[in-house]
Protein backbone atom coordinates (compact mmCIF):
# COMPACT_ATOMS: atom_id res chain seq x y z
CA MET A 1 17.63 29.09 5.90
CA PRO A 2 15.04 30.79 3.35
CA CYS A 3 14.61 29.18 0.77
CA GLY A 4 15.47 32.96 -1.11
CA VAL A 5 19.32 32.65 0.09
CA ARG A 6 20.35 29.52 -2.09
CA PRO A 7 19.71 30.46 -5.88
CA PRO A 8 19.13 27.03 -7.37
CA CYS A 9 16.43 26.49 -4.90
CA HIS A 10 14.72 30.02 -6.87
CA ALA A 11 15.19 27.93 -9.76
CA LYS A 12 14.00 24.76 -9.27
CA ALA A 13 10.87 25.80 -7.42
CA ARG A 14 10.42 28.11 -10.15
CA ASP A 15 10.88 25.77 -13.50
CA GLN A 16 8.42 23.45 -11.38
CA GLY A 17 5.95 25.78 -10.38
CA PRO A 18 2.19 26.63 -11.42
CA ARG A 19 1.78 27.90 -14.89
CA GLY A 20 -0.33 31.13 -15.59
CA ILE A 21 -3.87 31.37 -17.40
CA VAL A 22 -4.10 34.63 -17.68
CA PRO A 23 -2.21 37.71 -17.27
CA ILE A 24 -3.04 39.89 -14.11
CA ALA A 25 -3.47 43.46 -15.43
CA ALA A 26 -1.78 46.34 -13.00
CA ASP A 27 -5.13 47.45 -12.36
CA GLU A 28 -7.26 44.03 -11.71
CA TRP A 29 -5.52 42.98 -9.12
CA ARG A 30 -8.18 42.57 -6.87
CA ASP A 31 -10.65 40.00 -8.82
CA PRO A 32 -8.29 37.38 -8.78
CA LEU A 33 -7.06 37.88 -5.02
CA GLY A 34 -7.32 35.07 -2.92
CA ASP A 35 -7.54 32.55 -6.01
CA PRO A 36 -5.32 29.72 -5.69
CA VAL A 37 -5.92 28.76 -9.04
CA ARG A 38 -4.50 31.82 -10.08
CA THR A 39 -1.14 31.16 -8.26
CA GLY A 40 0.65 31.17 -11.87
CA ASP A 41 -0.28 34.47 -12.89
CA TRP A 42 0.56 35.77 -9.39
CA LEU A 43 3.95 34.96 -9.77
CA ASP A 44 4.12 35.79 -13.43
CA TYR A 45 2.55 39.10 -11.94
CA PHE A 46 5.61 39.54 -9.19
CA ASP A 47 8.15 39.00 -11.52
CA ARG A 48 7.52 41.88 -14.00
CA GLU A 49 6.72 44.10 -11.18
CA LEU A 50 9.96 43.67 -9.28
CA ALA A 51 11.71 43.87 -12.88
CA ASP A 52 10.21 47.11 -13.33
CA GLU A 53 10.26 48.61 -9.57
CA PRO A 54 12.43 48.73 -7.08
CA TRP A 55 12.01 45.79 -4.37
CA ARG A 56 10.87 48.60 -1.61
CA GLN A 57 8.38 49.84 -3.46
CA VAL A 58 6.69 46.99 -4.75
CA LEU A 59 6.54 45.96 -1.30
CA ALA A 60 5.13 49.43 0.38
CA ARG A 61 2.70 49.06 -2.14
CA TRP A 62 1.15 45.51 -1.65
CA TRP A 63 2.07 45.53 2.10
CA PRO A 64 -1.54 47.32 2.64
CA ARG A 65 -2.97 45.34 0.20
CA LEU A 66 -2.07 41.80 1.30
CA LEU A 67 -2.27 42.60 5.35
CA PRO A 68 -6.05 42.47 5.63
CA GLY A 69 -5.53 38.44 4.62
CA ILE A 70 -2.72 37.92 6.71
CA ALA A 71 -3.64 34.72 7.73
CA ALA A 72 -3.81 33.19 3.79
CA GLY A 73 -2.00 30.05 4.01
CA ALA A 74 -1.91 29.53 7.56
CA THR A 75 0.06 33.13 7.30
CA HIS A 76 2.82 31.40 5.26
CA GLY A 77 2.62 34.01 2.79
CA VAL A 78 3.61 36.74 5.49
CA ILE A 79 6.36 34.20 6.82
CA ARG A 80 7.77 33.52 3.68
CA VAL A 81 8.02 37.29 2.56
CA GLY A 82 9.64 38.14 6.22
CA HIS A 83 12.40 35.67 5.50
CA ALA A 84 13.06 37.33 2.10
CA VAL A 85 13.13 41.02 3.64
CA ARG A 86 15.74 39.80 5.93
CA ALA A 87 17.72 38.53 3.75
CA LEU A 88 17.33 41.88 1.24
CA LEU A 89 18.38 44.04 4.06
CA GLU A 90 21.16 42.01 4.81
CA GLN A 91 22.56 42.04 0.75
CA GLU A 92 20.32 42.69 -2.11
CA THR A 93 20.80 40.10 -4.91
CA ALA A 94 18.75 38.79 -7.83
CA PRO A 95 17.81 35.25 -6.22
CA ARG A 96 16.19 37.28 -3.08
CA VAL A 97 14.23 39.62 -5.05
CA ALA A 98 13.22 36.98 -6.77
CA GLU A 99 11.98 34.66 -3.77
CA LEU A 100 10.37 37.99 -2.41
CA GLY A 101 8.27 38.10 -5.56
CA GLN A 102 6.98 34.68 -4.90
CA GLY A 103 6.13 35.12 -1.33
CA LEU A 104 4.18 38.14 -2.35
CA ALA A 105 2.64 35.74 -5.02
CA TYR A 106 1.50 32.78 -2.79
CA TRP A 107 0.42 35.15 -0.36
CA ALA A 108 -1.79 37.08 -2.93
CA ALA A 109 -3.23 33.77 -4.02
CA ARG A 110 -3.97 32.58 -0.95
CA TRP A 111 -5.35 35.56 0.82
CA GLN A 112 -8.48 35.01 2.96
CA PRO A 113 -9.35 38.24 5.13
CA LEU A 114 -10.28 37.48 8.73
CA ALA A 115 -13.18 38.52 10.55
CA PRO A 116 -12.77 42.10 11.16
CA PRO A 117 -12.22 43.70 14.71
CA GLY A 118 -14.51 45.36 16.40
CA THR A 119 -14.58 49.27 16.81
CA GLY A 120 -14.46 49.22 20.63
CA PRO A 121 -12.60 51.05 22.36
CA TYR A 122 -11.13 48.05 24.28
CA ARG A 123 -9.08 47.65 26.95
CA ALA A 124 -5.67 46.19 25.95
CA THR A 125 -3.57 43.89 28.25
CA ASP A 126 0.24 42.67 28.21
CA PRO A 127 -0.07 39.80 25.41
CA ARG A 128 0.38 36.76 27.51
CA THR A 129 -3.29 37.61 28.83
CA ALA A 130 -4.59 38.54 26.06
CA LEU A 131 -3.38 35.25 24.00
CA ASP A 132 -5.33 33.28 26.96
CA ALA A 133 -8.16 35.56 26.66
CA VAL A 134 -8.46 34.36 22.72
CA PRO A 135 -11.77 32.13 22.23
CA ARG A 136 -11.38 28.82 20.28
CA VAL A 137 -13.16 28.04 17.53
CA PRO A 138 -15.93 25.27 18.04
CA ASP A 139 -15.63 22.96 15.60
CA GLN A 140 -11.26 22.16 14.82
CA ARG A 141 -11.84 19.06 12.72
CA PHE A 142 -10.50 20.27 9.52
CA GLY A 143 -8.48 22.83 7.69
CA ILE A 144 -7.90 26.42 8.21
CA ARG A 145 -10.21 27.80 5.90
CA PHE A 146 -12.77 25.80 8.09
CA ARG A 147 -11.68 27.11 11.34
CA LEU A 148 -10.76 30.44 10.45
CA ALA A 149 -14.37 30.96 8.48
CA GLN A 150 -16.06 30.23 12.23
CA LEU A 151 -14.22 33.64 13.69
CA ALA A 152 -17.42 35.80 12.82
CA ASP A 153 -19.52 33.45 15.17
CA LEU A 154 -17.25 34.57 18.18
CA PRO A 155 -19.28 36.78 20.38
CA ASP A 156 -15.66 37.39 22.11
CA TRP A 157 -13.59 37.37 18.60
CA PRO A 158 -14.45 41.16 17.80
CA ALA A 159 -12.88 42.81 20.87
CA VAL A 160 -10.15 40.15 20.54
CA ALA A 161 -8.86 41.03 17.47
CA ALA A 162 -9.19 44.98 17.78
CA ALA A 163 -7.68 44.80 21.61
CA VAL A 164 -3.88 44.84 20.23
CA PRO A 165 -1.84 44.28 23.43
CA HIS A 166 0.30 46.63 24.62
CA GLY A 167 4.07 45.91 26.04
CA GLU A 168 4.19 43.55 28.96
CA GLU A 169 6.10 46.31 31.04
CA HIS A 170 4.86 49.34 29.01
CA VAL A 171 0.72 49.07 29.35
CA GLY A 172 -1.08 52.36 28.01
CA GLU A 173 1.35 53.03 25.71
CA THR A 174 0.39 53.95 21.46
CA ALA A 175 0.55 52.16 18.24
CA ASP A 176 3.29 54.65 17.06
CA GLY A 177 6.42 55.05 16.52
CA ASP A 178 9.38 52.88 18.33
CA ALA A 179 6.55 51.45 20.71
CA VAL A 180 5.41 49.03 17.58
CA PRO A 181 8.93 46.95 17.42
CA ALA A 182 8.88 46.57 21.31
CA ARG A 183 4.98 45.12 21.14
CA LEU A 184 5.60 43.57 18.42
CA ALA A 185 8.32 41.38 19.97
CA GLY A 186 6.08 41.01 22.87
CA ILE A 187 3.38 39.26 20.92
CA VAL A 188 6.08 37.11 19.53
CA HIS A 189 8.09 36.12 22.79
CA ALA A 190 4.28 35.48 24.43
CA ALA A 191 3.22 33.09 21.61
CA VAL A 192 6.47 31.17 21.94
CA VAL A 193 6.23 30.54 25.57
CA ARG A 194 2.51 29.73 25.32
CA HIS A 195 3.30 27.26 22.76
CA GLY A 196 5.14 25.16 25.40
CA THR A 197 2.15 24.82 27.24
CA HIS A 198 -0.77 24.58 24.75
CA GLY A 199 1.41 23.53 21.14
CA TYR A 200 0.91 19.73 21.85
CA ALA A 201 -2.83 19.97 20.13
CA ASN A 202 -1.21 20.69 17.04
CA PRO A 203 2.39 21.46 16.99
CA VAL A 204 3.01 22.30 13.39
CA MET A 205 0.13 24.53 13.15
CA LEU A 206 0.64 26.45 16.16
CA VAL A 207 4.36 27.48 15.21
CA HIS A 208 2.82 29.95 13.40
CA ALA A 209 1.24 32.34 16.01
CA ALA A 210 4.92 33.12 16.95
CA THR A 211 6.51 33.05 13.44
CA ALA A 212 3.70 35.14 11.76
CA PRO A 213 4.35 38.49 13.85
CA ASN A 214 8.37 37.45 14.15
CA ALA A 215 8.00 38.01 10.45
CA VAL A 216 6.33 40.95 10.57
CA LEU A 217 8.63 42.69 12.93
CA ARG A 218 11.39 42.03 10.25
CA THR A 219 9.83 43.74 7.69
CA LEU A 220 8.77 46.64 9.61
CA PRO A 221 12.85 48.10 8.34
CA ALA A 222 11.58 48.05 5.01
CA LEU A 223 8.15 49.61 5.28
CA PRO A 224 7.15 53.23 5.49
CA GLY A 225 6.25 54.17 9.40
CA THR A 226 2.86 54.83 8.18
CA LEU A 227 2.57 51.19 7.77
CA TRP A 228 3.53 50.04 11.20
CA ALA A 229 0.44 50.62 13.25
CA ALA A 230 -1.61 48.62 10.51
CA SER A 231 1.34 45.99 10.55
CA LEU A 232 0.99 45.41 14.07
CA ALA A 233 -2.60 45.19 14.33
CA ALA A 234 -2.61 42.72 11.44
CA ALA A 235 0.00 40.52 13.59
CA TRP A 236 -1.60 40.50 16.55
CA ALA A 237 -4.99 39.00 14.29
CA ALA A 238 -2.98 36.45 12.62
CA THR A 239 -2.07 34.91 16.21
CA ALA A 240 -5.16 35.61 17.71
CA ALA A 241 -6.65 34.15 14.65
CA VAL A 242 -4.15 31.01 14.87
CA THR A 243 -4.77 30.52 18.38
CA ALA A 244 -8.65 30.17 18.15
CA ALA A 245 -7.97 27.82 15.62
CA TYR A 246 -5.83 24.89 16.86
CA ALA A 247 -5.44 26.05 20.40
CA PRO A 248 -6.52 22.88 23.01
CA ALA A 249 -8.86 23.91 25.71
CA THR A 250 -6.82 23.39 28.59
CA GLY A 251 -2.72 23.61 28.81
CA ARG A 252 -0.18 21.47 29.96
CA PRO A 253 2.49 21.96 32.57
CA ALA A 254 5.45 24.31 30.67
CA PRO A 255 8.86 22.31 30.09
CA PRO A 256 11.50 23.42 32.62
CA ALA A 257 13.52 26.30 32.10
CA ALA A 258 16.79 25.90 30.06
CA PRO A 259 19.37 28.21 32.10
CA ASP A 260 22.34 26.07 31.00
CA VAL A 261 21.71 25.65 27.49
CA ASP A 262 23.67 27.34 24.43
CA PRO A 263 21.17 28.97 22.11
CA ALA A 264 23.74 27.43 19.20
CA GLU A 265 22.67 24.75 20.26
CA VAL A 266 18.86 25.41 19.91
CA MET A 267 19.08 25.90 16.47
CA ARG A 268 21.07 23.37 15.85
CA HIS A 269 18.99 20.70 17.58
CA ALA A 270 16.33 22.11 15.15
CA VAL A 271 18.45 21.85 11.95
CA ASP A 272 18.89 18.48 12.57
CA SER A 273 15.41 17.80 13.02
CA ALA A 274 15.30 18.81 9.26
CA GLY A 275 11.63 19.58 10.01
CA PRO A 276 10.99 23.59 8.39
CA HIS A 277 8.82 24.35 11.35
CA ALA A 278 10.88 23.41 13.92
CA ILE A 279 13.87 25.40 12.65
CA LYS A 280 11.28 28.79 11.93
CA PHE A 281 10.40 28.62 15.67
CA ALA A 282 13.83 28.17 16.80
CA ASP A 283 14.39 31.28 14.67
CA ALA A 284 11.58 32.77 16.34
CA ALA A 285 12.49 31.93 19.78
CA LEU A 286 16.37 33.08 19.50
CA ASP A 287 14.89 36.54 18.15
CA ALA A 288 12.80 36.61 21.49
CA TYR A 289 15.52 35.11 23.66
CA ALA A 290 18.16 37.54 22.46
CA THR A 291 15.67 40.77 23.41
CA THR A 292 14.55 39.19 27.00
CA SER A 293 17.45 36.88 27.80
CA ASP A 294 14.17 34.42 29.31
CA ALA A 295 15.12 30.82 29.00
CA ALA A 296 12.06 29.43 29.26
CA VAL A 297 11.86 30.23 25.16
CA LEU A 298 14.78 27.71 24.88
CA ALA A 299 12.99 25.19 26.56
CA THR A 300 9.77 25.74 24.57
CA SER A 301 12.02 25.55 20.92
CA LEU A 302 13.41 22.33 22.38
CA LEU A 303 10.10 20.72 22.98
CA ALA A 304 8.54 22.30 19.95
CA THR A 305 11.28 20.44 18.05
CA GLU A 306 10.72 17.29 19.52
CA GLN A 307 6.49 17.51 19.28
CA THR A 308 6.73 18.39 15.26
CA GLY A 309 8.48 15.79 14.25
CA GLY A 310 10.28 16.68 11.92
CA TRP A 311 7.86 18.81 10.05
C-alpha cells in the first residue's frame, strides 16, 4: 500500500525529512533540478504548489518537466507519483495530495536525464523483442547514476531508446489516442515476464523495469492527452535504461507457469514477505495478469518475492 494512503505515514516522513536550505522560486526551478542537497527545498516547494492549485494542474505542469529524468533515483520518483495518483483518482484526501507532493519533490531532487534517443526513423517491434535488443552497459559494478552515465557511449542506445515498442498484436499503430495505454501495458507485461529469466542478476533493481512503466500507465488518466505520447516514450526509455544497467548477459529458464495459483495469493505472498519491491512487483504483475490472463506473470511474481528477500 502506498505510504500516502495512510495519514500517519506522511506525517512521520515529513517530520523526519530533510530541511530546506533556500526556498525555490517559481521561475528558478531549473538550477536546483537534480540536486539531492535541495531535497528539503523541493518538499517545501511542492507543499506550496499543491496548497495554491488543484493537484491535477500541478501534475500537468510538472510531469513534462520531470519526464526527461524519469530514471531518477532508480525510477522511485515516478513510481511514487504513480501510486499517489492512483490513490487520488480513487478518492482525493489531504494526505494523498501531500504524498503526491513528496513524490514530485523526490523526483525533482534526484532528476537525472538519460542519454537522448536517436531521431530515426527506427523500426519498432513487440515489447519482448525490444527488451531482448537492449544493450548492456559494460561496467555494472556501481550504482545507477554510474551505470546510466554509460548509456551515451553505447552505439545501439539511440536506436533502442527511440524505437518505442508497439503492442504485441498491433505492430504499425501510432502512439496516439487509445493505443498508448495498450502499448504501455505491453511494456509492463514484457518486463514482468522477462524478470523471470533475467531478474536473478539483480532482483531488486530489475523490478523497476516493470514498475516504472506501470506507474506511468496509472498516471495517464490524470494527464492531458497531449502528454500521453511523451509519457509512453519516457516509460519505454526507463524500462530500457534499467534493463541496460542491470540485466545479465544470459537468461535462465523461466519459472514453471502457475495456472492454478489464485492471483490474490500472489499478492498475499508478497505482502507476507514485507518486501516493498516484492509488493510493487506483484502489483504490476497482477495488473499485467488482468489484461493478458498470462499465468507466467503469476509464477514470475512468486519467484521475484523469493529473490528480493524482503527488500
